[in-house]
PDB file of N, CA and C in Angstrom:
ATOM      1  N   MET A   1     -12.450  -0.805  14.810  1.00  0.00           N
ATOM      2  CA  MET A   1     -12.037   0.513  14.381  1.00  0.00           C
ATOM      3  C   MET A   1     -11.931   0.512  12.858  1.00  0.00           C
ATOM      4  N   SER A   2     -12.499   1.491  12.229  1.00  0.00           N
ATOM      5  CA  SER A   2     -12.379   1.668  10.781  1.00  0.00           C
ATOM      6  C   SER A   2     -11.297   2.692  10.483  1.00  0.00           C
ATOM      7  N   ILE A   3     -10.442   2.356   9.531  1.00  0.00           N
ATOM      8  CA  ILE A   3      -9.377   3.267   9.116  1.00  0.00           C
ATOM      9  C   ILE A   3      -9.483   3.476   7.615  1.00  0.00           C
ATOM     10  N   TRP A   4      -9.627   4.715   7.216  1.00  0.00           N
ATOM     11  CA  TRP A   4      -9.606   5.083   5.803  1.00  0.00           C
ATOM     12  C   TRP A   4      -8.238   5.663   5.495  1.00  0.00           C
ATOM     13  N   GLU A   5      -7.692   5.270   4.359  1.00  0.00           N
ATOM     14  CA  GLU A   5      -6.347   5.691   3.959  1.00  0.00           C
ATOM     15  C   GLU A   5      -6.440   6.659   2.789  1.00  0.00           C
ATOM     16  N   PHE A   6      -5.854   7.829   2.936  1.00  0.00           N
ATOM     17  CA  PHE A   6      -5.768   8.813   1.852  1.00  0.00           C
ATOM     18  C   PHE A   6      -4.289   9.022   1.562  1.00  0.00           C
ATOM     19  N   THR A   7      -3.776   8.298   0.560  1.00  0.00           N
ATOM     20  CA  THR A   7      -2.336   8.307   0.297  1.00  0.00           C
ATOM     21  C   THR A   7      -2.038   8.561  -1.174  1.00  0.00           C
ATOM     22  N   ALA A   8      -0.808   8.926  -1.420  1.00  0.00           N
ATOM     23  CA  ALA A   8      -0.282   9.087  -2.780  1.00  0.00           C
ATOM     24  C   ALA A   8       1.187   8.698  -2.724  1.00  0.00           C
ATOM     25  N   GLY A   9       1.736   8.303  -3.871  1.00  0.00           N
ATOM     26  CA  GLY A   9       3.137   7.908  -3.847  1.00  0.00           C
ATOM     27  C   GLY A   9       3.703   7.608  -5.211  1.00  0.00           C
ATOM     28  N   LEU A  10       4.799   6.875  -5.185  1.00  0.00           N
ATOM     29  CA  LEU A  10       5.535   6.532  -6.397  1.00  0.00           C
ATOM     30  C   LEU A  10       5.620   5.023  -6.555  1.00  0.00           C
ATOM     31  N   ARG A  11       5.696   4.579  -7.816  1.00  0.00           N
ATOM     32  CA  ARG A  11       5.854   3.158  -8.127  1.00  0.00           C
ATOM     33  C   ARG A  11       6.995   2.998  -9.117  1.00  0.00           C
ATOM     34  N   ALA A  12       7.896   2.057  -8.828  1.00  0.00           N
ATOM     35  CA  ALA A  12       9.006   1.742  -9.726  1.00  0.00           C
ATOM     36  C   ALA A  12       8.799   0.331 -10.266  1.00  0.00           C
ATOM     37  N   LEU A  13       8.778   0.196 -11.580  1.00  0.00           N
ATOM     38  CA  LEU A  13       8.556  -1.099 -12.216  1.00  0.00           C
ATOM     39  C   LEU A  13       9.874  -1.782 -12.538  1.00  0.00           C
ATOM     40  N   ALA A  14       9.920  -3.090 -12.316  1.00  0.00           N
ATOM     41  CA  ALA A  14      11.069  -3.920 -12.678  1.00  0.00           C
ATOM     42  C   ALA A  14      10.511  -5.190 -13.313  1.00  0.00           C
ATOM     43  N   GLY A  15      10.036  -5.080 -14.556  1.00  0.00           N
ATOM     44  CA  GLY A  15       9.349  -6.205 -15.201  1.00  0.00           C
ATOM     45  C   GLY A  15       7.972  -6.360 -14.585  1.00  0.00           C
ATOM     46  N   PRO A  16       7.581  -7.598 -14.233  1.00  0.00           N
ATOM     47  CA  PRO A  16       6.260  -7.796 -13.617  1.00  0.00           C
ATOM     48  C   PRO A  16       6.233  -7.412 -12.131  1.00  0.00           C
ATOM     49  N   VAL A  17       7.406  -7.177 -11.537  1.00  0.00           N
ATOM     50  CA  VAL A  17       7.500  -6.811 -10.121  1.00  0.00           C
ATOM     51  C   VAL A  17       7.554  -5.290  -9.999  1.00  0.00           C
ATOM     52  N   TYR A  18       6.927  -4.754  -8.960  1.00  0.00           N
ATOM     53  CA  TYR A  18       7.013  -3.315  -8.718  1.00  0.00           C
ATOM     54  C   TYR A  18       7.260  -3.042  -7.240  1.00  0.00           C
ATOM     55  N   PHE A  19       7.854  -1.897  -6.984  1.00  0.00           N
ATOM     56  CA  PHE A  19       8.109  -1.412  -5.633  1.00  0.00           C
ATOM     57  C   PHE A  19       7.378  -0.087  -5.495  1.00  0.00           C
ATOM     58  N   GLU A  20       6.742   0.105  -4.360  1.00  0.00           N
ATOM     59  CA  GLU A  20       5.886   1.270  -4.188  1.00  0.00           C
ATOM     60  C   GLU A  20       6.160   1.919  -2.832  1.00  0.00           C
ATOM     61  N   ALA A  21       6.051   3.231  -2.783  1.00  0.00           N
ATOM     62  CA  ALA A  21       6.155   3.985  -1.527  1.00  0.00           C
ATOM     63  C   ALA A  21       5.035   5.019  -1.522  1.00  0.00           C
ATOM     64  N   ARG A  22       4.174   4.940  -0.497  1.00  0.00           N
ATOM     65  CA  ARG A  22       3.058   5.876  -0.377  1.00  0.00           C
ATOM     66  C   ARG A  22       3.129   6.570   0.974  1.00  0.00           C
ATOM     67  N   GLY A  23       2.629   7.761   1.018  1.00  0.00           N
ATOM     68  CA  GLY A  23       2.511   8.497   2.266  1.00  0.00           C
ATOM     69  C   GLY A  23       1.179   9.208   2.284  1.00  0.00           C
ATOM     70  N   GLY A  24       0.631   9.430   3.475  1.00  0.00           N
ATOM     71  CA  GLY A  24      -0.641  10.125   3.538  1.00  0.00           C
ATOM     72  C   GLY A  24      -1.259  10.104   4.918  1.00  0.00           C
ATOM     73  N   TYR A  25      -2.540  10.415   4.952  1.00  0.00           N
ATOM     74  CA  TYR A  25      -3.287  10.551   6.200  1.00  0.00           C
ATOM     75  C   TYR A  25      -4.185   9.341   6.412  1.00  0.00           C
ATOM     76  N   PHE A  26      -4.277   8.888   7.667  1.00  0.00           N
ATOM     77  CA  PHE A  26      -5.091   7.734   8.022  1.00  0.00           C
ATOM     78  C   PHE A  26      -6.112   8.147   9.073  1.00  0.00           C
ATOM     79  N   THR A  27      -7.402   7.999   8.745  1.00  0.00           N
ATOM     80  CA  THR A  27      -8.450   8.302   9.719  1.00  0.00           C
ATOM     81  C   THR A  27      -8.486   7.162  10.735  1.00  0.00           C
ATOM     82  N   GLY A  28      -9.226   7.310  11.784  1.00  0.00           N
ATOM     83  CA  GLY A  28      -9.301   6.267  12.807  1.00  0.00           C
ATOM     84  C   GLY A  28      -8.156   6.369  13.797  1.00  0.00           C
ATOM     85  N   VAL A  29      -6.943   6.561  13.295  1.00  0.00           N
ATOM     86  CA  VAL A  29      -5.786   6.806  14.164  1.00  0.00           C
ATOM     87  C   VAL A  29      -5.380   8.275  14.097  1.00  0.00           C
ATOM     88  N   ASP A  30      -6.045   9.032  13.221  1.00  0.00           N
ATOM     89  CA  ASP A  30      -5.814  10.475  13.052  1.00  0.00           C
ATOM     90  C   ASP A  30      -4.329  10.824  12.999  1.00  0.00           C
ATOM     91  N   SER A  31      -3.635  10.221  12.047  1.00  0.00           N
ATOM     92  CA  SER A  31      -2.196  10.435  11.960  1.00  0.00           C
ATOM     93  C   SER A  31      -1.716  10.285  10.521  1.00  0.00           C
ATOM     94  N   TRP A  32      -0.539  10.843  10.251  1.00  0.00           N
ATOM     95  CA  TRP A  32       0.118  10.694   8.957  1.00  0.00           C
ATOM     96  C   TRP A  32       0.974   9.447   8.999  1.00  0.00           C
ATOM     97  N   GLY A  33       1.169   8.815   7.828  1.00  0.00           N
ATOM     98  CA  GLY A  33       1.948   7.591   7.809  1.00  0.00           C
ATOM     99  C   GLY A  33       2.653   7.338   6.495  1.00  0.00           C
ATOM    100  N   TYR A  34       3.408   6.239   6.476  1.00  0.00           N
ATOM    101  CA  TYR A  34       4.221   5.825   5.339  1.00  0.00           C
ATOM    102  C   TYR A  34       3.951   4.350   5.072  1.00  0.00           C
ATOM    103  N   VAL A  35       3.807   3.972   3.785  1.00  0.00           N
ATOM    104  CA  VAL A  35       3.491   2.600   3.413  1.00  0.00           C
ATOM    105  C   VAL A  35       4.422   2.127   2.294  1.00  0.00           C
ATOM    106  N   PRO A  36       5.468   1.356   2.616  1.00  0.00           N
ATOM    107  CA  PRO A  36       6.252   0.719   1.562  1.00  0.00           C
ATOM    108  C   PRO A  36       5.540  -0.561   1.117  1.00  0.00           C
ATOM    109  N   ALA A  37       5.679  -0.915  -0.161  1.00  0.00           N
ATOM    110  CA  ALA A  37       4.991  -2.094  -0.679  1.00  0.00           C
ATOM    111  C   ALA A  37       5.790  -2.717  -1.818  1.00  0.00           C
ATOM    112  N   VAL A  38       5.535  -3.999  -2.042  1.00  0.00           N
ATOM    113  CA  VAL A  38       6.097  -4.715  -3.188  1.00  0.00           C
ATOM    114  C   VAL A  38       4.961  -5.552  -3.775  1.00  0.00           C
ATOM    115  N   GLY A  39       4.934  -5.653  -5.094  1.00  0.00           N
ATOM    116  CA  GLY A  39       3.863  -6.395  -5.739  1.00  0.00           C
ATOM    117  C   GLY A  39       4.314  -7.020  -7.040  1.00  0.00           C
ATOM    118  N   ILE A  40       3.435  -7.832  -7.584  1.00  0.00           N
ATOM    119  CA  ILE A  40       3.690  -8.486  -8.864  1.00  0.00           C
ATOM    120  C   ILE A  40       2.386  -8.490  -9.661  1.00  0.00           C
ATOM    121  N   VAL A  41       2.517  -8.323 -10.962  1.00  0.00           N
ATOM    122  CA  VAL A  41       1.349  -8.274 -11.842  1.00  0.00           C
ATOM    123  C   VAL A  41       1.394  -9.454 -12.801  1.00  0.00           C
ATOM    124  N   PHE A  42       0.318 -10.245 -12.823  1.00  0.00           N
ATOM    125  CA  PHE A  42       0.126 -11.329 -13.778  1.00  0.00           C
ATOM    126  C   PHE A  42      -1.085 -10.982 -14.625  1.00  0.00           C
ATOM    127  N   TRP A  43      -0.872 -10.583 -15.858  1.00  0.00           N
ATOM    128  CA  TRP A  43      -1.935 -10.204 -16.781  1.00  0.00           C
ATOM    129  C   TRP A  43      -2.805  -9.134 -16.140  1.00  0.00           C
ATOM    130  N   LYS A  44      -4.003  -9.444 -15.655  1.00  0.00           N
ATOM    131  CA  LYS A  44      -4.874  -8.449 -15.012  1.00  0.00           C
ATOM    132  C   LYS A  44      -4.967  -8.650 -13.500  1.00  0.00           C
ATOM    133  N   LEU A  45      -4.141  -9.529 -12.947  1.00  0.00           N
ATOM    134  CA  LEU A  45      -4.147  -9.813 -11.517  1.00  0.00           C
ATOM    135  C   LEU A  45      -2.956  -9.126 -10.854  1.00  0.00           C
ATOM    136  N   ASP A  46      -3.222  -8.373  -9.810  1.00  0.00           N
ATOM    137  CA  ASP A  46      -2.198  -7.627  -9.072  1.00  0.00           C
ATOM    138  C   ASP A  46      -2.169  -8.149  -7.638  1.00  0.00           C
ATOM    139  N   ILE A  47      -1.010  -8.628  -7.195  1.00  0.00           N
ATOM    140  CA  ILE A  47      -0.842  -9.124  -5.831  1.00  0.00           C
ATOM    141  C   ILE A  47       0.201  -8.250  -5.149  1.00  0.00           C
ATOM    142  N   GLN A  48      -0.154  -7.696  -3.993  1.00  0.00           N
ATOM    143  CA  GLN A  48       0.739  -6.758  -3.305  1.00  0.00           C
ATOM    144  C   GLN A  48       0.825  -7.083  -1.819  1.00  0.00           C
ATOM    145  N   ALA A  49       2.021  -6.918  -1.249  1.00  0.00           N
ATOM    146  CA  ALA A  49       2.231  -6.989   0.197  1.00  0.00           C
ATOM    147  C   ALA A  49       2.713  -5.612   0.641  1.00  0.00           C
ATOM    148  N   ASN A  50       2.160  -5.119   1.745  1.00  0.00           N
ATOM    149  CA  ASN A  50       2.561  -3.797   2.229  1.00  0.00           C
ATOM    150  C   ASN A  50       2.654  -3.784   3.748  1.00  0.00           C
ATOM    151  N   TYR A  51       3.339  -2.779   4.261  1.00  0.00           N
ATOM    152  CA  TYR A  51       3.500  -2.616   5.701  1.00  0.00           C
ATOM    153  C   TYR A  51       3.297  -1.144   6.019  1.00  0.00           C
ATOM    154  N   SER A  52       2.409  -0.847   6.940  1.00  0.00           N
ATOM    155  CA  SER A  52       2.060   0.540   7.255  1.00  0.00           C
ATOM    156  C   SER A  52       2.690   0.988   8.570  1.00  0.00           C
ATOM    157  N   PHE A  53       3.308   2.163   8.530  1.00  0.00           N
ATOM    158  CA  PHE A  53       3.840   2.832   9.718  1.00  0.00           C
ATOM    159  C   PHE A  53       3.024   4.103   9.900  1.00  0.00           C
ATOM    160  N   VAL A  54       2.136   4.118  10.892  1.00  0.00           N
ATOM    161  CA  VAL A  54       1.234   5.252  11.085  1.00  0.00           C
ATOM    162  C   VAL A  54       1.263   5.662  12.553  1.00  0.00           C
ATOM    163  N   GLY A  55       1.822   6.837  12.816  1.00  0.00           N
ATOM    164  CA  GLY A  55       1.939   7.286  14.202  1.00  0.00           C
ATOM    165  C   GLY A  55       2.719   6.263  15.010  1.00  0.00           C
ATOM    166  N   ASP A  56       2.131   5.780  16.102  1.00  0.00           N
ATOM    167  CA  ASP A  56       2.779   4.741  16.905  1.00  0.00           C
ATOM    168  C   ASP A  56       2.217   3.355  16.597  1.00  0.00           C
ATOM    169  N   LYS A  57       1.471   3.214  15.507  1.00  0.00           N
ATOM    170  CA  LYS A  57       0.872   1.944  15.089  1.00  0.00           C
ATOM    171  C   LYS A  57       1.602   1.395  13.864  1.00  0.00           C
ATOM    172  N   GLU A  58       1.578   0.061  13.717  1.00  0.00           N
ATOM    173  CA  GLU A  58       2.138  -0.613  12.544  1.00  0.00           C
ATOM    174  C   GLU A  58       1.254  -1.807  12.216  1.00  0.00           C
ATOM    175  N   TRP A  59       1.071  -2.085  10.920  1.00  0.00           N
ATOM    176  CA  TRP A  59       0.344  -3.273  10.510  1.00  0.00           C
ATOM    177  C   TRP A  59       0.746  -3.666   9.101  1.00  0.00           C
ATOM    178  N   ALA A  60       0.537  -4.940   8.799  1.00  0.00           N
ATOM    179  CA  ALA A  60       0.857  -5.484   7.478  1.00  0.00           C
ATOM    180  C   ALA A  60      -0.439  -5.718   6.720  1.00  0.00           C
ATOM    181  N   GLY A  61      -0.346  -5.707   5.400  1.00  0.00           N
ATOM    182  CA  GLY A  61      -1.527  -5.934   4.582  1.00  0.00           C
ATOM    183  C   GLY A  61      -1.182  -6.665   3.299  1.00  0.00           C
ATOM    184  N   VAL A  62      -2.190  -7.284   2.727  1.00  0.00           N
ATOM    185  CA  VAL A  62      -2.076  -7.968   1.437  1.00  0.00           C
ATOM    186  C   VAL A  62      -3.227  -7.495   0.574  1.00  0.00           C
ATOM    187  N   ARG A  63      -2.934  -7.204  -0.684  1.00  0.00           N
ATOM    188  CA  ARG A  63      -3.983  -6.794  -1.623  1.00  0.00           C
ATOM    189  C   ARG A  63      -3.940  -7.724  -2.820  1.00  0.00           C
ATOM    190  N   VAL A  64      -5.096  -8.215  -3.190  1.00  0.00           N
ATOM    191  CA  VAL A  64      -5.248  -8.984  -4.425  1.00  0.00           C
ATOM    192  C   VAL A  64      -6.330  -8.277  -5.223  1.00  0.00           C
ATOM    193  N   ALA A  65      -5.984  -7.846  -6.432  1.00  0.00           N
ATOM    194  CA  ALA A  65      -6.932  -7.083  -7.250  1.00  0.00           C
ATOM    195  C   ALA A  65      -6.966  -7.646  -8.664  1.00  0.00           C
ATOM    196  N   TYR A  66      -8.147  -7.661  -9.247  1.00  0.00           N
ATOM    197  CA  TYR A  66      -8.329  -8.052 -10.642  1.00  0.00           C
ATOM    198  C   TYR A  66      -8.819  -6.824 -11.396  1.00  0.00           C
ATOM    199  N   TYR A  67      -8.078  -6.436 -12.414  1.00  0.00           N
ATOM    200  CA  TYR A  67      -8.442  -5.267 -13.211  1.00  0.00           C
ATOM    201  C   TYR A  67      -9.141  -5.715 -14.482  1.00  0.00           C
ATOM    202  N   PHE A  68     -10.284  -5.101 -14.786  1.00  0.00           N
ATOM    203  CA  PHE A  68     -11.007  -5.440 -16.023  1.00  0.00           C
ATOM    204  C   PHE A  68     -11.360  -4.202 -16.786  1.00  0.00           C
TER     205      PHE A  68
END
C-alpha cells in the first residue's frame, strides 16, 4: 500500500533539538491524521523520529535528511 502524506504544522526549536506537530490528510488510508515528532540537527544533517496516528492506524517512522 502506498501512502502519500499532505501535512502542515509547527516546529519549536530548543538549540539543535526540535519538536514538531503536523496534521493533515493521508492517501491510501483516506483519513486525516496527526504526527508528533522530535529531531536533532547536526550542521546539514537532520535526524527525526515520528509517530503517526491516522484514522484507526498507527505507525512509527525515522527520517534522515541531508540539506545542501
